[in-house]
Amino acid sequence: MPTISRFFGIMIRMYYDEHNPPHLHAEYQGGKALFDFSGNIIRGGLYSRTATKLIREWIDLHVIELEEDWESAKEGQEIKPIEPLR
């Protein structure tokens, strides 16, 4: 699964040939969660409210790139890295 971004110890990934709804996989200190592109947790959870808040902020800043990567992944094309939160 390609890593599309890393920031503050958070790893963001996206699979090829994923199921709907469009989402990303986030990992932080052993916790794993699936987020939709509105920042809602679909499944799982992180042990840090701060990490969850940072991921939601990052999603808000990069929703267009996430949607583009999702479409690329569905078509089996290259998923592009996305700028980390700074």
PDB file of N, CA and C in Angstrom:
ATOM      1  N   MET A   1       0.861  -1.167   0.000  1.00  0.00           N
ATOM      2  CA  MET A   1       0.000   0.000   0.000  1.00  0.00           C
ATOM      3  C   MET A   1       0.906   1.228   0.000  1.00  0.00           C
ATOM      4  N   PRO A   2       0.752   2.082  -0.992  1.00  0.00           N
ATOM      5  CA  PRO A   2       1.609   3.270  -1.074  1.00  0.00           C
ATOM      6  C   PRO A   2       1.369   4.268   0.052  1.00  0.00           C
ATOM      7  N   THR A   3       2.463   4.754   0.596  1.00  0.00           N
ATOM      8  CA  THR A   3       2.394   5.835   1.573  1.00  0.00           C
ATOM      9  C   THR A   3       2.316   7.130   0.788  1.00  0.00           C
ATOM     10  N   ILE A   4       1.249   7.912   1.027  1.00  0.00           N
ATOM     11  CA  ILE A   4       1.097   9.152   0.272  1.00  0.00           C
ATOM     12  C   ILE A   4       1.562  10.370   1.058  1.00  0.00           C
ATOM     13  N   SER A   5       1.680  10.234   2.401  1.00  0.00           N
ATOM     14  CA  SER A   5       2.190  11.348   3.196  1.00  0.00           C
ATOM     15  C   SER A   5       2.603  10.853   4.581  1.00  0.00           C
ATOM     16  N   ARG A   6       3.531  11.588   5.183  1.00  0.00           N
ATOM     17  CA  ARG A   6       3.977  11.334   6.562  1.00  0.00           C
ATOM     18  C   ARG A   6       4.207  12.674   7.233  1.00  0.00           C
ATOM     19  N   PHE A   7       3.676  12.812   8.440  1.00  0.00           N
ATOM     20  CA  PHE A   7       3.901  14.044   9.201  1.00  0.00           C
ATOM     21  C   PHE A   7       3.658  13.769  10.674  1.00  0.00           C
ATOM     22  N   PHE A   8       4.502  14.330  11.518  1.00  0.00           N
ATOM     23  CA  PHE A   8       4.395  14.225  12.971  1.00  0.00           C
ATOM     24  C   PHE A   8       4.195  12.783  13.456  1.00  0.00           C
ATOM     25  N   GLY A   9       4.851  11.834  12.789  1.00  0.00           N
ATOM     26  CA  GLY A   9       4.739  10.430  13.168  1.00  0.00           C
ATOM     27  C   GLY A   9       3.498   9.734  12.632  1.00  0.00           C
ATOM     28  N   ILE A  10       2.699  10.436  11.866  1.00  0.00           N
ATOM     29  CA  ILE A  10       1.475   9.887  11.278  1.00  0.00           C
ATOM     30  C   ILE A  10       1.795   9.422   9.862  1.00  0.00           C
ATOM     31  N   MET A  11       1.344   8.229   9.511  1.00  0.00           N
ATOM     32  CA  MET A  11       1.536   7.703   8.175  1.00  0.00           C
ATOM     33  C   MET A  11       0.173   7.602   7.484  1.00  0.00           C
ATOM     34  N   ILE A  12       0.085   8.163   6.281  1.00  0.00           N
ATOM     35  CA  ILE A  12      -1.142   8.143   5.502  1.00  0.00           C
ATOM     36  C   ILE A  12      -0.904   7.276   4.275  1.00  0.00           C
ATOM     37  N   ARG A  13      -1.807   6.298   4.058  1.00  0.00           N
ATOM     38  CA  ARG A  13      -1.659   5.371   2.935  1.00  0.00           C
ATOM     39  C   ARG A  13      -2.971   5.247   2.173  1.00  0.00           C
ATOM     40  N   MET A  14      -2.846   4.742   0.936  1.00  0.00           N
ATOM     41  CA  MET A  14      -4.016   4.467   0.117  1.00  0.00           C
ATOM     42  C   MET A  14      -3.718   3.204  -0.697  1.00  0.00           C
ATOM     43  N   TYR A  15      -4.684   2.302  -0.748  1.00  0.00           N
ATOM     44  CA  TYR A  15      -4.554   1.065  -1.517  1.00  0.00           C
ATOM     45  C   TYR A  15      -4.989   1.269  -2.963  1.00  0.00           C
ATOM     46  N   TYR A  16      -4.489   0.401  -3.832  1.00  0.00           N
ATOM     47  CA  TYR A  16      -5.019   0.293  -5.186  1.00  0.00           C
ATOM     48  C   TYR A  16      -6.246  -0.609  -5.129  1.00  0.00           C
ATOM     49  N   ASP A  17      -7.177  -0.418  -6.055  1.00  0.00           N
ATOM     50  CA  ASP A  17      -8.385  -1.251  -6.157  1.00  0.00           C
ATOM     51  C   ASP A  17      -9.149  -1.313  -4.835  1.00  0.00           C
ATOM     52  N   GLU A  18      -9.331  -0.188  -4.188  1.00  0.00           N
ATOM     53  CA  GLU A  18     -10.053  -0.098  -2.914  1.00  0.00           C
ATOM     54  C   GLU A  18     -11.554  -0.104  -3.123  1.00  0.00           C
ATOM     55  N   HIS A  19     -12.248  -0.372  -2.045  1.00  0.00           N
ATOM     56  CA  HIS A  19     -13.715  -0.355  -2.033  1.00  0.00           C
ATOM     57  C   HIS A  19     -14.208   1.049  -1.709  1.00  0.00           C
ATOM     58  N   ASN A  20     -15.422   1.336  -2.099  1.00  0.00           N
ATOM     59  CA  ASN A  20     -16.045   2.613  -1.739  1.00  0.00           C
ATOM     60  C   ASN A  20     -16.541   2.550  -0.309  1.00  0.00           C
ATOM     61  N   PRO A  21     -16.705   3.643   0.363  1.00  0.00           N
ATOM     62  CA  PRO A  21     -16.524   5.018  -0.080  1.00  0.00           C
ATOM     63  C   PRO A  21     -15.030   5.373  -0.136  1.00  0.00           C
ATOM     64  N   PRO A  22     -14.690   6.426  -0.887  1.00  0.00           N
ATOM     65  CA  PRO A  22     -13.292   6.868  -0.942  1.00  0.00           C
ATOM     66  C   PRO A  22     -12.763   7.144   0.469  1.00  0.00           C
ATOM     67  N   HIS A  23     -11.562   6.636   0.743  1.00  0.00           N
ATOM     68  CA  HIS A  23     -11.003   6.785   2.088  1.00  0.00           C
ATOM     69  C   HIS A  23      -9.486   6.637   2.052  1.00  0.00           C
ATOM     70  N   LEU A  24      -8.879   6.913   3.199  1.00  0.00           N
ATOM     71  CA  LEU A  24      -7.445   6.719   3.372  1.00  0.00           C
ATOM     72  C   LEU A  24      -7.219   5.956   4.669  1.00  0.00           C
ATOM     73  N   HIS A  25      -6.052   5.379   4.781  1.00  0.00           N
ATOM     74  CA  HIS A  25      -5.649   4.630   5.969  1.00  0.00           C
ATOM     75  C   HIS A  25      -4.632   5.478   6.729  1.00  0.00           C
ATOM     76  N   ALA A  26      -4.866   5.690   8.001  1.00  0.00           N
ATOM     77  CA  ALA A  26      -3.942   6.462   8.830  1.00  0.00           C
ATOM     78  C   ALA A  26      -3.430   5.584   9.960  1.00  0.00           C
ATOM     79  N   GLU A  27      -2.148   5.706  10.270  1.00  0.00           N
ATOM     80  CA  GLU A  27      -1.529   4.969  11.373  1.00  0.00           C
ATOM     81  C   GLU A  27      -0.750   5.939  12.243  1.00  0.00           C
ATOM     82  N   TYR A  28      -0.882   5.730  13.548  1.00  0.00           N
ATOM     83  CA  TYR A  28      -0.124   6.553  14.489  1.00  0.00           C
ATOM     84  C   TYR A  28       0.053   5.771  15.780  1.00  0.00           C
ATOM     85  N   GLN A  29       1.286   5.535  16.174  1.00  0.00           N
ATOM     86  CA  GLN A  29       1.654   4.857  17.421  1.00  0.00           C
ATOM     87  C   GLN A  29       0.837   3.594  17.672  1.00  0.00           C
ATOM     88  N   GLY A  30       0.733   2.751  16.655  1.00  0.00           N
ATOM     89  CA  GLY A  30       0.051   1.468  16.787  1.00  0.00           C
ATOM     90  C   GLY A  30      -1.446   1.524  16.537  1.00  0.00           C
ATOM     91  N   GLY A  31      -2.023   2.703  16.477  1.00  0.00           N
ATOM     92  CA  GLY A  31      -3.437   2.838  16.170  1.00  0.00           C
ATOM     93  C   GLY A  31      -3.636   2.961  14.669  1.00  0.00           C
ATOM     94  N   LYS A  32      -4.752   2.414  14.184  1.00  0.00           N
ATOM     95  CA  LYS A  32      -5.062   2.476  12.760  1.00  0.00           C
ATOM     96  C   LYS A  32      -6.508   2.902  12.590  1.00  0.00           C
ATOM     97  N   ALA A  33      -6.744   3.744  11.583  1.00  0.00           N
ATOM     98  CA  ALA A  33      -8.102   4.208  11.315  1.00  0.00           C
ATOM     99  C   ALA A  33      -8.269   4.480   9.828  1.00  0.00           C
ATOM    100  N   LEU A  34      -9.497   4.300   9.358  1.00  0.00           N
ATOM    101  CA  LEU A  34      -9.871   4.683   8.008  1.00  0.00           C
ATOM    102  C   LEU A  34     -10.665   5.970   8.102  1.00  0.00           C
ATOM    103  N   PHE A  35     -10.269   6.963   7.317  1.00  0.00           N
ATOM    104  CA  PHE A  35     -10.944   8.257   7.276  1.00  0.00           C
ATOM    105  C   PHE A  35     -11.539   8.459   5.893  1.00  0.00           C
ATOM    106  N   ASP A  36     -12.765   8.983   5.832  1.00  0.00           N
ATOM    107  CA  ASP A  36     -13.272   9.402   4.533  1.00  0.00           C
ATOM    108  C   ASP A  36     -12.694  10.775   4.224  1.00  0.00           C
ATOM    109  N   PHE A  37     -13.017  11.313   3.048  1.00  0.00           N
ATOM    110  CA  PHE A  37     -12.408  12.563   2.629  1.00  0.00           C
ATOM    111  C   PHE A  37     -13.096  13.782   3.247  1.00  0.00           C
ATOM    112  N   SER A  38     -14.029  13.537   4.158  1.00  0.00           N
ATOM    113  CA  SER A  38     -14.621  14.616   4.962  1.00  0.00           C
ATOM    114  C   SER A  38     -14.019  14.650   6.358  1.00  0.00           C
ATOM    115  N   GLY A  39     -13.118  13.692   6.637  1.00  0.00           N
ATOM    116  CA  GLY A  39     -12.455  13.640   7.938  1.00  0.00           C
ATOM    117  C   GLY A  39     -13.156  12.769   8.958  1.00  0.00           C
ATOM    118  N   ASN A  40     -14.202  12.048   8.540  1.00  0.00           N
ATOM    119  CA  ASN A  40     -14.903  11.145   9.460  1.00  0.00           C
ATOM    120  C   ASN A  40     -14.172   9.817   9.557  1.00  0.00           C
ATOM    121  N   ILE A  41     -14.139   9.241  10.744  1.00  0.00           N
ATOM    122  CA  ILE A  41     -13.541   7.920  10.922  1.00  0.00           C
ATOM    123  C   ILE A  41     -14.576   6.883  10.500  1.00  0.00           C
ATOM    124  N   ILE A  42     -14.206   6.048   9.540  1.00  0.00           N
ATOM    125  CA  ILE A  42     -15.082   4.995   9.041  1.00  0.00           C
ATOM    126  C   ILE A  42     -14.929   3.732   9.880  1.00  0.00           C
ATOM    127  N   ARG A  43     -13.685   3.435  10.231  1.00  0.00           N
ATOM    128  CA  ARG A  43     -13.402   2.220  11.004  1.00  0.00           C
ATOM    129  C   ARG A  43     -12.105   2.412  11.770  1.00  0.00           C
ATOM    130  N   GLY A  44     -12.010   1.756  12.894  1.00  0.00           N
ATOM    131  CA  GLY A  44     -10.801   1.807  13.700  1.00  0.00           C
ATOM    132  C   GLY A  44     -10.750   3.069  14.534  1.00  0.00           C
ATOM    133  N   GLY A  45      -9.556   3.409  14.966  1.00  0.00           N
ATOM    134  CA  GLY A  45      -9.383   4.602  15.768  1.00  0.00           C
ATOM    135  C   GLY A  45      -7.930   4.794  16.149  1.00  0.00           C
ATOM    136  N   LEU A  46      -7.604   6.018  16.462  1.00  0.00           N
ATOM    137  CA  LEU A  46      -6.259   6.352  16.925  1.00  0.00           C
ATOM    138  C   LEU A  46      -6.340   6.653  18.406  1.00  0.00           C
ATOM    139  N   TYR A  47      -5.267   6.442  19.106  1.00  0.00           N
ATOM    140  CA  TYR A  47      -5.245   6.659  20.549  1.00  0.00           C
ATOM    141  C   TYR A  47      -5.006   8.114  20.916  1.00  0.00           C
ATOM    142  N   SER A  48      -4.849   8.943  19.925  1.00  0.00           N
ATOM    143  CA  SER A  48      -4.510  10.344  20.149  1.00  0.00           C
ATOM    144  C   SER A  48      -5.541  11.260  19.483  1.00  0.00           C
ATOM    145  N   ARG A  49      -6.185  12.079  20.283  1.00  0.00           N
ATOM    146  CA  ARG A  49      -7.115  13.068  19.725  1.00  0.00           C
ATOM    147  C   ARG A  49      -6.353  14.104  18.896  1.00  0.00           C
ATOM    148  N   THR A  50      -5.138  14.409  19.318  1.00  0.00           N
ATOM    149  CA  THR A  50      -4.324  15.377  18.580  1.00  0.00           C
ATOM    150  C   THR A  50      -4.002  14.848  17.186  1.00  0.00           C
ATOM    151  N   ALA A  51      -3.601  13.579  17.089  1.00  0.00           N
ATOM    152  CA  ALA A  51      -3.298  12.984  15.777  1.00  0.00           C
ATOM    153  C   ALA A  51      -4.546  12.985  14.899  1.00  0.00           C
ATOM    154  N   THR A  52      -5.684  12.646  15.468  1.00  0.00           N
ATOM    155  CA  THR A  52      -6.938  12.646  14.714  1.00  0.00           C
ATOM    156  C   THR A  52      -7.248  14.048  14.205  1.00  0.00           C
ATOM    157  N   LYS A  53      -7.061  15.048  15.040  1.00  0.00           N
ATOM    158  CA  LYS A  53      -7.295  16.437  14.644  1.00  0.00           C
ATOM    159  C   LYS A  53      -6.345  16.851  13.514  1.00  0.00           C
ATOM    160  N   LEU A  54      -5.070  16.470  13.615  1.00  0.00           N
ATOM    161  CA  LEU A  54      -4.091  16.808  12.584  1.00  0.00           C
ATOM    162  C   LEU A  54      -4.435  16.143  11.250  1.00  0.00           C
ATOM    163  N   ILE A  55      -4.888  14.901  11.294  1.00  0.00           N
ATOM    164  CA  ILE A  55      -5.278  14.208  10.068  1.00  0.00           C
ATOM    165  C   ILE A  55      -6.467  14.908   9.427  1.00  0.00           C
ATOM    166  N   ARG A  56      -7.442  15.291  10.232  1.00  0.00           N
ATOM    167  CA  ARG A  56      -8.603  16.001   9.691  1.00  0.00           C
ATOM    168  C   ARG A  56      -8.199  17.336   9.061  1.00  0.00           C
ATOM    169  N   GLU A  57      -7.284  18.029   9.695  1.00  0.00           N
ATOM    170  CA  GLU A  57      -6.792  19.289   9.142  1.00  0.00           C
ATOM    171  C   GLU A  57      -6.088  19.046   7.804  1.00  0.00           C
ATOM    172  N   TRP A  58      -5.259  18.005   7.753  1.00  0.00           N
ATOM    173  CA  TRP A  58      -4.539  17.662   6.538  1.00  0.00           C
ATOM    174  C   TRP A  58      -5.520  17.291   5.419  1.00  0.00           C
ATOM    175  N   ILE A  59      -6.532  16.506   5.740  1.00  0.00           N
ATOM    176  CA  ILE A  59      -7.546  16.135   4.745  1.00  0.00           C
ATOM    177  C   ILE A  59      -8.201  17.388   4.180  1.00  0.00           C
ATOM    178  N   ASP A  60      -8.603  18.313   5.045  1.00  0.00           N
ATOM    179  CA  ASP A  60      -9.245  19.555   4.590  1.00  0.00           C
ATOM    180  C   ASP A  60      -8.361  20.321   3.606  1.00  0.00           C
ATOM    181  N   LEU A  61      -7.067  20.316   3.852  1.00  0.00           N
ATOM    182  CA  LEU A  61      -6.131  21.044   2.985  1.00  0.00           C
ATOM    183  C   LEU A  61      -5.874  20.344   1.650  1.00  0.00           C
ATOM    184  N   HIS A  62      -6.101  19.027   1.611  1.00  0.00           N
ATOM    185  CA  HIS A  62      -5.674  18.245   0.450  1.00  0.00           C
ATOM    186  C   HIS A  62      -6.777  17.385  -0.156  1.00  0.00           C
ATOM    187  N   VAL A  63      -8.015  17.745   0.054  1.00  0.00           N
ATOM    188  CA  VAL A  63      -9.121  16.906  -0.423  1.00  0.00           C
ATOM    189  C   VAL A  63      -9.087  16.718  -1.942  1.00  0.00           C
ATOM    190  N   ILE A  64      -8.720  17.730  -2.688  1.00  0.00           N
ATOM    191  CA  ILE A  64      -8.676  17.593  -4.149  1.00  0.00           C
ATOM    192  C   ILE A  64      -7.610  16.578  -4.561  1.00  0.00           C
ATOM    193  N   GLU A  65      -6.426  16.671  -3.962  1.00  0.00           N
ATOM    194  CA  GLU A  65      -5.365  15.701  -4.275  1.00  0.00           C
ATOM    195  C   GLU A  65      -5.763  14.288  -3.858  1.00  0.00           C
ATOM    196  N   LEU A  66      -6.461  14.162  -2.734  1.00  0.00           N
ATOM    197  CA  LEU A  66      -6.922  12.844  -2.295  1.00  0.00           C
ATOM    198  C   LEU A  66      -7.902  12.250  -3.302  1.00  0.00           C
ATOM    199  N   GLU A  67      -8.817  13.070  -3.779  1.00  0.00           N
ATOM    200  CA  GLU A  67      -9.776  12.594  -4.780  1.00  0.00           C
ATOM    201  C   GLU A  67      -9.069  12.185  -6.071  1.00  0.00           C
ATOM    202  N   GLU A  68      -8.062  12.951  -6.465  1.00  0.00           N
ATOM    203  CA  GLU A  68      -7.284  12.604  -7.663  1.00  0.00           C
ATOM    204  C   GLU A  68      -6.540  11.286  -7.459  1.00  0.00           C
ATOM    205  N   ASP A  69      -5.913  11.111  -6.299  1.00  0.00           N
ATOM    206  CA  ASP A  69      -5.218   9.851  -6.011  1.00  0.00           C
ATOM    207  C   ASP A  69      -6.198   8.688  -5.990  1.00  0.00           C
ATOM    208  N   TRP A  70      -7.388   8.905  -5.434  1.00  0.00           N
ATOM    209  CA  TRP A  70      -8.400   7.841  -5.377  1.00  0.00           C
ATOM    210  C   TRP A  70      -8.762   7.386  -6.803  1.00  0.00           C
ATOM    211  N   GLU A  71      -8.999   8.347  -7.682  1.00  0.00           N
ATOM    212  CA  GLU A  71      -9.333   8.020  -9.070  1.00  0.00           C
ATOM    213  C   GLU A  71      -8.170   7.298  -9.747  1.00  0.00           C
ATOM    214  N   SER A  72      -6.949   7.759  -9.515  1.00  0.00           N
ATOM    215  CA  SER A  72      -5.767   7.094 -10.083  1.00  0.00           C
ATOM    216  C   SER A  72      -5.670   5.656  -9.587  1.00  0.00           C
ATOM    217  N   ALA A  73      -5.882   5.453  -8.297  1.00  0.00           N
ATOM    218  CA  ALA A  73      -5.796   4.114  -7.712  1.00  0.00           C
ATOM    219  C   ALA A  73      -6.848   3.189  -8.319  1.00  0.00           C
ATOM    220  N   LYS A  74      -8.061   3.700  -8.498  1.00  0.00           N
ATOM    221  CA  LYS A  74      -9.127   2.882  -9.088  1.00  0.00           C
ATOM    222  C   LYS A  74      -8.770   2.442 -10.497  1.00  0.00           C
ATOM    223  N   GLU A  75      -8.019   3.275 -11.222  1.00  0.00           N
ATOM    224  CA  GLU A  75      -7.628   2.972 -12.595  1.00  0.00           C
ATOM    225  C   GLU A  75      -6.292   2.240 -12.665  1.00  0.00           C
ATOM    226  N   GLY A  76      -5.704   1.931 -11.513  1.00  0.00           N
ATOM    227  CA  GLY A  76      -4.431   1.223 -11.472  1.00  0.00           C
ATOM    228  C   GLY A  76      -3.248   2.085 -11.857  1.00  0.00           C
ATOM    229  N   GLN A  77      -3.425   3.395 -11.795  1.00  0.00           N
ATOM    230  CA  GLN A  77      -2.351   4.317 -12.129  1.00  0.00           C
ATOM    231  C   GLN A  77      -1.588   4.721 -10.869  1.00  0.00           C
ATOM    232  N   GLU A  78      -0.487   5.408 -11.081  1.00  0.00           N
ATOM    233  CA  GLU A  78       0.379   5.831  -9.978  1.00  0.00           C
ATOM    234  C   GLU A  78      -0.357   6.763  -9.013  1.00  0.00           C
ATOM    235  N   ILE A  79      -0.196   6.492  -7.732  1.00  0.00           N
ATOM    236  CA  ILE A  79      -0.715   7.377  -6.686  1.00  0.00           C
ATOM    237  C   ILE A  79       0.413   8.340  -6.325  1.00  0.00           C
ATOM    238  N   LYS A  80       0.109   9.618  -6.323  1.00  0.00           N
ATOM    239  CA  LYS A  80       1.140  10.621  -6.100  1.00  0.00           C
ATOM    240  C   LYS A  80       1.225  10.998  -4.611  1.00  0.00           C
ATOM    241  N   PRO A  81       2.441  11.256  -4.140  1.00  0.00           N
ATOM    242  CA  PRO A  81       2.597  11.731  -2.760  1.00  0.00           C
ATOM    243  C   PRO A  81       1.909  13.089  -2.598  1.00  0.00           C
ATOM    244  N   ILE A  82       1.480  13.358  -1.368  1.00  0.00           N
ATOM    245  CA  ILE A  82       0.826  14.615  -1.038  1.00  0.00           C
ATOM    246  C   ILE A  82       1.643  15.295   0.049  1.00  0.00           C
ATOM    247  N   GLU A  83       1.776  16.592  -0.076  1.00  0.00           N
ATOM    248  CA  GLU A  83       2.560  17.421   0.858  1.00  0.00           C
ATOM    249  C   GLU A  83       2.131  17.133   2.311  1.00  0.00           C
ATOM    250  N   PRO A  84       3.088  16.938   3.199  1.00  0.00           N
ATOM    251  CA  PRO A  84       2.744  16.719   4.614  1.00  0.00           C
ATOM    252  C   PRO A  84       2.273  17.990   5.283  1.00  0.00           C
ATOM    253  N   LEU A  85       1.643  17.818   6.411  1.00  0.00           N
ATOM    254  CA  LEU A  85       1.238  18.960   7.249  1.00  0.00           C
ATOM    255  C   LEU A  85       2.494  19.485   7.914  1.00  0.00           C
ATOM    256  N   ARG A  86       2.629  20.795   7.960  1.00  0.00           N
ATOM    257  CA  ARG A  86       3.830  21.404   8.566  1.00  0.00           C
ATOM    258  C   ARG A  86       3.437  22.326   9.681  1.00  0.00           C
TER     259      ARG A  86
END
